[in-house]
PDB file of N, CA and C in Angstrom:
ATOM      1  N   MET A   1       0.828  -1.225  -0.046  1.00  0.00           N
ATOM      2  CA  MET A   1      -0.099  -0.127   0.010  1.00  0.00           C
ATOM      3  C   MET A   1       0.841   1.184   0.039  1.00  0.00           C
ATOM      4  N   PHE A   2       0.581   2.318  -0.748  1.00  0.00           N
ATOM      5  CA  PHE A   2       1.203   3.476  -0.868  1.00  0.00           C
ATOM      6  C   PHE A   2       0.315   4.629  -1.167  1.00  0.00           C
ATOM      7  N   HIS A   3       0.903   5.837  -1.087  1.00  0.00           N
ATOM      8  CA  HIS A   3       0.108   7.080  -1.090  1.00  0.00           C
ATOM      9  C   HIS A   3       0.949   7.916  -2.121  1.00  0.00           C
ATOM     10  N   ALA A   4       0.362   8.565  -3.127  1.00  0.00           N
ATOM     11  CA  ALA A   4       1.048   9.512  -3.978  1.00  0.00           C
ATOM     12  C   ALA A   4       0.234  10.659  -4.261  1.00  0.00           C
ATOM     13  N   ASP A   5       1.152  11.733  -4.298  1.00  0.00           N
ATOM     14  CA  ASP A   5       0.423  13.093  -4.397  1.00  0.00           C
ATOM     15  C   ASP A   5       1.490  13.948  -5.001  1.00  0.00           C
ATOM     16  N   THR A   6       0.966  15.162  -5.637  1.00  0.00           N
ATOM     17  CA  THR A   6       1.655  16.233  -6.399  1.00  0.00           C
ATOM     18  C   THR A   6       1.263  17.497  -5.793  1.00  0.00           C
ATOM     19  N   THR A   7       2.115  18.355  -5.955  1.00  0.00           N
ATOM     20  CA  THR A   7       1.999  19.808  -5.736  1.00  0.00           C
ATOM     21  C   THR A   7       2.681  20.706  -6.671  1.00  0.00           C
ATOM     22  N   ASP A   8       2.537  21.902  -6.518  1.00  0.00           N
ATOM     23  CA  ASP A   8       3.316  22.957  -7.515  1.00  0.00           C
ATOM     24  C   ASP A   8       4.000  23.877  -6.789  1.00  0.00           C
ATOM     25  N   LYS A   9       4.738  24.555  -7.224  1.00  0.00           N
ATOM     26  CA  LYS A   9       5.468  25.753  -6.663  1.00  0.00           C
ATOM     27  C   LYS A   9       5.379  26.993  -7.717  1.00  0.00           C
ATOM     28  N   THR A  10       4.664  27.854  -7.516  1.00  0.00           N
ATOM     29  CA  THR A  10       4.607  29.069  -8.372  1.00  0.00           C
ATOM     30  C   THR A  10       6.025  29.784  -8.186  1.00  0.00           C
ATOM     31  N   VAL A  11       6.536  30.397  -9.339  1.00  0.00           N
ATOM     32  CA  VAL A  11       7.852  31.031  -9.352  1.00  0.00           C
ATOM     33  C   VAL A  11       7.724  32.263 -10.158  1.00  0.00           C
ATOM     34  N   TYR A  12       8.550  33.260  -9.892  1.00  0.00           N
ATOM     35  CA  TYR A  12       8.508  34.546 -10.515  1.00  0.00           C
ATOM     36  C   TYR A  12       9.852  34.809 -11.103  1.00  0.00           C
ATOM     37  N   GLY A  13       9.796  35.745 -12.186  1.00  0.00           N
ATOM     38  CA  GLY A  13      11.028  36.156 -12.882  1.00  0.00           C
ATOM     39  C   GLY A  13      11.169  35.513 -14.228  1.00  0.00           C
ATOM     40  N   ALA A  14      12.275  35.764 -14.855  1.00  0.00           N
ATOM     41  CA  ALA A  14      12.438  35.255 -16.265  1.00  0.00           C
ATOM     42  C   ALA A  14      13.155  34.169 -16.410  1.00  0.00           C
ATOM     43  N   TYR A  15      12.766  33.043 -16.924  1.00  0.00           N
ATOM     44  CA  TYR A  15      13.322  31.849 -17.123  1.00  0.00           C
ATOM     45  C   TYR A  15      13.546  31.439 -18.480  1.00  0.00           C
ATOM     46  N   GLU A  16      14.602  31.028 -18.963  1.00  0.00           N
ATOM     47  CA  GLU A  16      14.837  30.567 -20.274  1.00  0.00           C
ATOM     48  C   GLU A  16      14.193  29.115 -20.532  1.00  0.00           C
ATOM     49  N   THR A  17      13.307  29.082 -21.563  1.00  0.00           N
ATOM     50  CA  THR A  17      12.732  27.802 -21.772  1.00  0.00           C
ATOM     51  C   THR A  17      13.032  27.302 -23.154  1.00  0.00           C
ATOM     52  N   ASN A  18      14.230  27.722 -23.745  1.00  0.00           N
ATOM     53  CA  ASN A  18      14.639  27.089 -25.032  1.00  0.00           C
ATOM     54  C   ASN A  18      15.106  25.657 -24.956  1.00  0.00           C
ATOM     55  N   SER A  19      15.624  25.156 -23.941  1.00  0.00           N
ATOM     56  CA  SER A  19      16.065  23.779 -23.896  1.00  0.00           C
ATOM     57  C   SER A  19      14.959  22.754 -23.900  1.00  0.00           C
ATOM     58  N   THR A  20      15.136  21.574 -24.451  1.00  0.00           N
ATOM     59  CA  THR A  20      14.160  20.732 -24.259  1.00  0.00           C
ATOM     60  C   THR A  20      14.462  19.521 -23.224  1.00  0.00           C
ATOM     61  N   GLU A  21      15.750  19.753 -22.749  1.00  0.00           N
ATOM     62  CA  GLU A  21      16.173  18.791 -21.750  1.00  0.00           C
ATOM     63  C   GLU A  21      16.057  19.659 -20.391  1.00  0.00           C
ATOM     64  N   GLY A  22      15.747  18.642 -19.407  1.00  0.00           N
ATOM     65  CA  GLY A  22      15.811  19.051 -18.044  1.00  0.00           C
ATOM     66  C   GLY A  22      14.367  19.732 -17.629  1.00  0.00           C
ATOM     67  N   LEU A  23      14.537  20.111 -16.387  1.00  0.00           N
ATOM     68  CA  LEU A  23      13.087  20.785 -15.973  1.00  0.00           C
ATOM     69  C   LEU A  23      12.675  22.040 -16.781  1.00  0.00           C
ATOM     70  N   GLN A  24      11.350  22.051 -17.016  1.00  0.00           N
ATOM     71  CA  GLN A  24      10.866  23.148 -17.639  1.00  0.00           C
ATOM     72  C   GLN A  24       9.990  23.951 -16.744  1.00  0.00           C
ATOM     73  N   ILE A  25      10.202  25.158 -16.421  1.00  0.00           N
ATOM     74  CA  ILE A  25       9.372  25.999 -15.678  1.00  0.00           C
ATOM     75  C   ILE A  25       8.431  26.556 -16.722  1.00  0.00           C
ATOM     76  N   THR A  26       7.038  26.209 -16.665  1.00  0.00           N
ATOM     77  CA  THR A  26       6.186  26.502 -17.674  1.00  0.00           C
ATOM     78  C   THR A  26       4.859  27.077 -16.910  1.00  0.00           C
ATOM     79  N   TYR A  27       4.032  27.569 -17.831  1.00  0.00           N
ATOM     80  CA  TYR A  27       2.870  28.198 -17.336  1.00  0.00           C
ATOM     81  C   TYR A  27       1.877  26.951 -17.233  1.00  0.00           C
ATOM     82  N   GLY A  28       1.038  27.064 -15.991  1.00  0.00           N
ATOM     83  CA  GLY A  28       0.074  26.098 -15.783  1.00  0.00           C
ATOM     84  C   GLY A  28      -0.648  26.573 -14.812  1.00  0.00           C
ATOM     85  N   TYR A  29      -2.017  25.849 -14.592  1.00  0.00           N
ATOM     86  CA  TYR A  29      -2.837  26.235 -13.454  1.00  0.00           C
ATOM     87  C   TYR A  29      -2.217  25.660 -12.108  1.00  0.00           C
ATOM     88  N   ASN A  30      -2.217  26.485 -11.186  1.00  0.00           N
ATOM     89  CA  ASN A  30      -1.782  25.991  -9.834  1.00  0.00           C
ATOM     90  C   ASN A  30      -3.159  25.643  -9.131  1.00  0.00           C
ATOM     91  N   ARG A  31      -2.753  25.272  -7.934  1.00  0.00           N
ATOM     92  CA  ARG A  31      -3.855  24.642  -6.944  1.00  0.00           C
ATOM     93  C   ARG A  31      -4.864  25.780  -6.738  1.00  0.00           C
ATOM     94  N   HIS A  32      -4.570  27.092  -6.841  1.00  0.00           N
ATOM     95  CA  HIS A  32      -5.361  28.160  -6.564  1.00  0.00           C
ATOM     96  C   HIS A  32      -6.186  28.568  -7.929  1.00  0.00           C
ATOM     97  N   HIS A  33      -5.949  27.846  -9.017  1.00  0.00           N
ATOM     98  CA  HIS A  33      -6.590  27.925 -10.142  1.00  0.00           C
ATOM     99  C   HIS A  33      -6.024  29.349 -10.914  1.00  0.00           C
ATOM    100  N   TYR A  34      -4.919  29.636 -10.667  1.00  0.00           N
ATOM    101  CA  TYR A  34      -4.188  30.884 -11.387  1.00  0.00           C
ATOM    102  C   TYR A  34      -3.206  30.302 -12.528  1.00  0.00           C
ATOM    103  N   TRP A  35      -3.246  30.969 -13.762  1.00  0.00           N
ATOM    104  CA  TRP A  35      -2.199  30.600 -14.706  1.00  0.00           C
ATOM    105  C   TRP A  35      -0.975  31.247 -14.424  1.00  0.00           C
ATOM    106  N   GLN A  36       0.017  30.687 -13.923  1.00  0.00           N
ATOM    107  CA  GLN A  36       1.253  31.122 -13.612  1.00  0.00           C
ATOM    108  C   GLN A  36       2.463  30.226 -13.803  1.00  0.00           C
ATOM    109  N   LYS A  37       3.594  30.820 -13.667  1.00  0.00           N
ATOM    110  CA  LYS A  37       4.835  30.045 -14.070  1.00  0.00           C
ATOM    111  C   LYS A  37       5.013  29.094 -12.815  1.00  0.00           C
ATOM    112  N   GLN A  38       5.329  28.017 -13.112  1.00  0.00           N
ATOM    113  CA  GLN A  38       5.515  26.966 -11.815  1.00  0.00           C
ATOM    114  C   GLN A  38       6.340  25.825 -12.338  1.00  0.00           C
ATOM    115  N   MET A  39       6.758  24.995 -11.300  1.00  0.00           N
ATOM    116  CA  MET A  39       7.228  23.706 -11.471  1.00  0.00           C
ATOM    117  C   MET A  39       6.514  22.797 -10.486  1.00  0.00           C
ATOM    118  N   GLY A  40       6.572  21.434 -10.707  1.00  0.00           N
ATOM    119  CA  GLY A  40       5.780  20.594 -10.053  1.00  0.00           C
ATOM    120  C   GLY A  40       6.619  19.513  -9.094  1.00  0.00           C
ATOM    121  N   PHE A  41       6.103  19.084  -8.125  1.00  0.00           N
ATOM    122  CA  PHE A  41       6.716  17.973  -7.275  1.00  0.00           C
ATOM    123  C   PHE A  41       5.811  16.820  -7.206  1.00  0.00           C
ATOM    124  N   GLY A  42       6.321  15.570  -7.098  1.00  0.00           N
ATOM    125  CA  GLY A  42       5.467  14.415  -6.794  1.00  0.00           C
ATOM    126  C   GLY A  42       6.348  13.524  -5.707  1.00  0.00           C
ATOM    127  N   LEU A  43       5.470  13.064  -4.728  1.00  0.00           N
ATOM    128  CA  LEU A  43       6.027  12.240  -3.805  1.00  0.00           C
ATOM    129  C   LEU A  43       5.146  10.968  -3.564  1.00  0.00           C
ATOM    130  N   VAL A  44       5.913   9.690  -3.552  1.00  0.00           N
ATOM    131  CA  VAL A  44       5.131   8.509  -3.139  1.00  0.00           C
ATOM    132  C   VAL A  44       5.730   7.926  -1.712  1.00  0.00           C
ATOM    133  N   GLY A  45       4.787   7.697  -0.925  1.00  0.00           N
ATOM    134  CA  GLY A  45       5.211   7.028   0.374  1.00  0.00           C
ATOM    135  C   GLY A  45       4.647   5.801   0.687  1.00  0.00           C
ATOM    136  N   ASN A  46       5.216   4.998   1.539  1.00  0.00           N
ATOM    137  CA  ASN A  46       4.611   3.797   1.884  1.00  0.00           C
ATOM    138  C   ASN A  46       3.640   3.838   3.071  1.00  0.00           C
ATOM    139  N   GLN A  47       3.108   2.789   3.566  1.00  0.00           N
ATOM    140  CA  GLN A  47       1.987   2.820   4.540  1.00  0.00           C
ATOM    141  C   GLN A  47       2.527   3.326   5.771  1.00  0.00           C
ATOM    142  N   ASP A  48       3.888   3.443   6.086  1.00  0.00           N
ATOM    143  CA  ASP A  48       4.363   3.837   7.396  1.00  0.00           C
ATOM    144  C   ASP A  48       4.599   5.425   7.137  1.00  0.00           C
ATOM    145  N   GLY A  49       4.388   6.026   6.038  1.00  0.00           N
ATOM    146  CA  GLY A  49       4.614   7.417   5.716  1.00  0.00           C
ATOM    147  C   GLY A  49       6.068   7.674   5.357  1.00  0.00           C
ATOM    148  N   LEU A  50       6.863   6.588   4.992  1.00  0.00           N
ATOM    149  CA  LEU A  50       8.162   6.876   4.527  1.00  0.00           C
ATOM    150  C   LEU A  50       8.206   7.177   3.023  1.00  0.00           C
ATOM    151  N   PRO A  51       8.821   8.178   2.514  1.00  0.00           N
ATOM    152  CA  PRO A  51       8.997   8.299   1.089  1.00  0.00           C
ATOM    153  C   PRO A  51       9.929   7.379   0.416  1.00  0.00           C
ATOM    154  N   PHE A  52       9.536   6.949  -0.714  1.00  0.00           N
ATOM    155  CA  PHE A  52      10.399   5.994  -1.354  1.00  0.00           C
ATOM    156  C   PHE A  52      10.450   6.396  -2.939  1.00  0.00           C
ATOM    157  N   TYR A  53       9.886   7.470  -3.372  1.00  0.00           N
ATOM    158  CA  TYR A  53       9.955   8.107  -4.667  1.00  0.00           C
ATOM    159  C   TYR A  53       9.405   9.449  -4.723  1.00  0.00           C
ATOM    160  N   GLY A  54      10.290  10.245  -5.298  1.00  0.00           N
ATOM    161  CA  GLY A  54       9.992  11.555  -5.426  1.00  0.00           C
ATOM    162  C   GLY A  54      10.597  12.183  -6.744  1.00  0.00           C
ATOM    163  N   ASP A  55      10.051  13.237  -7.275  1.00  0.00           N
ATOM    164  CA  ASP A  55      10.440  13.861  -8.394  1.00  0.00           C
ATOM    165  C   ASP A  55      10.120  15.185  -8.594  1.00  0.00           C
ATOM    166  N   VAL A  56      10.912  16.080  -9.187  1.00  0.00           N
ATOM    167  CA  VAL A  56      10.531  17.418  -9.742  1.00  0.00           C
ATOM    168  C   VAL A  56      10.217  17.476 -11.341  1.00  0.00           C
ATOM    169  N   HIS A  57       8.942  17.999 -11.486  1.00  0.00           N
ATOM    170  CA  HIS A  57       8.681  17.759 -12.914  1.00  0.00           C
ATOM    171  C   HIS A  57       8.191  19.300 -13.547  1.00  0.00           C
ATOM    172  N   ASP A  58       7.893  19.180 -14.728  1.00  0.00           N
ATOM    173  CA  ASP A  58       7.527  20.381 -15.564  1.00  0.00           C
ATOM    174  C   ASP A  58       6.275  20.849 -14.769  1.00  0.00           C
ATOM    175  N   GLY A  59       6.060  22.244 -14.925  1.00  0.00           N
ATOM    176  CA  GLY A  59       4.924  22.938 -14.310  1.00  0.00           C
ATOM    177  C   GLY A  59       3.568  22.541 -14.864  1.00  0.00           C
ATOM    178  N   HIS A  60       3.425  22.086 -16.002  1.00  0.00           N
ATOM    179  CA  HIS A  60       2.131  21.925 -16.614  1.00  0.00           C
ATOM    180  C   HIS A  60       1.870  20.556 -16.767  1.00  0.00           C
ATOM    181  N   LEU A  61       2.626  19.628 -15.906  1.00  0.00           N
ATOM    182  CA  LEU A  61       2.212  18.227 -16.089  1.00  0.00           C
ATOM    183  C   LEU A  61       1.058  17.849 -14.925  1.00  0.00           C
ATOM    184  N   PRO A  62      -0.124  17.523 -15.473  1.00  0.00           N
ATOM    185  CA  PRO A  62      -1.185  17.341 -14.660  1.00  0.00           C
ATOM    186  C   PRO A  62      -1.021  15.892 -13.809  1.00  0.00           C
ATOM    187  N   ASP A  63      -1.703  15.750 -12.674  1.00  0.00           N
ATOM    188  CA  ASP A  63      -1.872  14.495 -12.049  1.00  0.00           C
ATOM    189  C   ASP A  63      -2.320  13.227 -12.892  1.00  0.00           C
ATOM    190  N   LYS A  64      -3.185  13.373 -13.707  1.00  0.00           N
ATOM    191  CA  LYS A  64      -3.599  12.350 -14.453  1.00  0.00           C
ATOM    192  C   LYS A  64      -2.710  11.770 -15.382  1.00  0.00           C
ATOM    193  N   THR A  65      -1.597  12.560 -15.628  1.00  0.00           N
ATOM    194  CA  THR A  65      -0.452  12.203 -16.452  1.00  0.00           C
ATOM    195  C   THR A  65       0.831  11.607 -15.693  1.00  0.00           C
ATOM    196  N   TRP A  66       0.809  12.364 -14.455  1.00  0.00           N
ATOM    197  CA  TRP A  66       2.057  12.046 -13.573  1.00  0.00           C
ATOM    198  C   TRP A  66       1.702  10.542 -12.970  1.00  0.00           C
ATOM    199  N   ASN A  67       0.449  10.345 -12.421  1.00  0.00           N
ATOM    200  CA  ASN A  67       0.186   9.098 -11.829  1.00  0.00           C
ATOM    201  C   ASN A  67       0.474   7.722 -12.530  1.00  0.00           C
ATOM    202  N   PRO A  68       0.055   7.585 -13.732  1.00  0.00           N
ATOM    203  CA  PRO A  68       0.295   6.393 -14.487  1.00  0.00           C
ATOM    204  C   PRO A  68       1.912   6.257 -14.827  1.00  0.00           C
ATOM    205  N   SER A  69       2.538   7.298 -15.060  1.00  0.00           N
ATOM    206  CA  SER A  69       3.918   7.214 -15.535  1.00  0.00           C
ATOM    207  C   SER A  69       4.650   6.841 -14.241  1.00  0.00           C
ATOM    208  N   VAL A  70       4.245   7.340 -12.952  1.00  0.00           N
ATOM    209  CA  VAL A  70       4.953   6.773 -11.893  1.00  0.00           C
ATOM    210  C   VAL A  70       4.675   5.279 -11.444  1.00  0.00           C
ATOM    211  N   LEU A  71       3.254   4.971 -11.698  1.00  0.00           N
ATOM    212  CA  LEU A  71       2.896   3.488 -11.496  1.00  0.00           C
ATOM    213  C   LEU A  71       3.749   2.624 -12.306  1.00  0.00           C
ATOM    214  N   ALA A  72       3.911   3.124 -13.533  1.00  0.00           N
ATOM    215  CA  ALA A  72       4.783   2.335 -14.499  1.00  0.00           C
ATOM    216  C   ALA A  72       6.233   2.119 -14.186  1.00  0.00           C
ATOM    217  N   ARG A  73       6.861   3.169 -13.584  1.00  0.00           N
ATOM    218  CA  ARG A  73       8.071   3.060 -13.075  1.00  0.00           C
ATOM    219  C   ARG A  73       8.238   2.020 -11.864  1.00  0.00           C
ATOM    220  N   MET A  74       7.183   2.267 -10.983  1.00  0.00           N
ATOM    221  CA  MET A  74       7.299   1.339  -9.754  1.00  0.00           C
ATOM    222  C   MET A  74       7.129   0.071 -10.124  1.00  0.00           C
ATOM    223  N   LYS A  75       6.319  -0.288 -11.229  1.00  0.00           N
ATOM    224  CA  LYS A  75       6.196  -1.590 -11.456  1.00  0.00           C
ATOM    225  C   LYS A  75       7.436  -2.273 -12.043  1.00  0.00           C
ATOM    226  N   GLU A  76       8.234  -1.438 -12.902  1.00  0.00           N
ATOM    227  CA  GLU A  76       9.573  -1.983 -13.200  1.00  0.00           C
ATOM    228  C   GLU A  76      10.522  -2.328 -12.125  1.00  0.00           C
TER     229      GLU A  76
END
């Protein structure tokens, strides 16, 4: 048994988004439903509350996309 959840962090300032590699700070809807620049965080913990997987991801990645990709990695 495990629990997975994501959140986002809104950032301010100028960020270069020319690169296709690495983290992309992108516009997306945050938890307060504002369209802002952000990055995302995901964490999976076991039944004792100990984390065993975490990542930082692009700001526009929705939960419904993140969850299946994490489940696929955990299955491997």
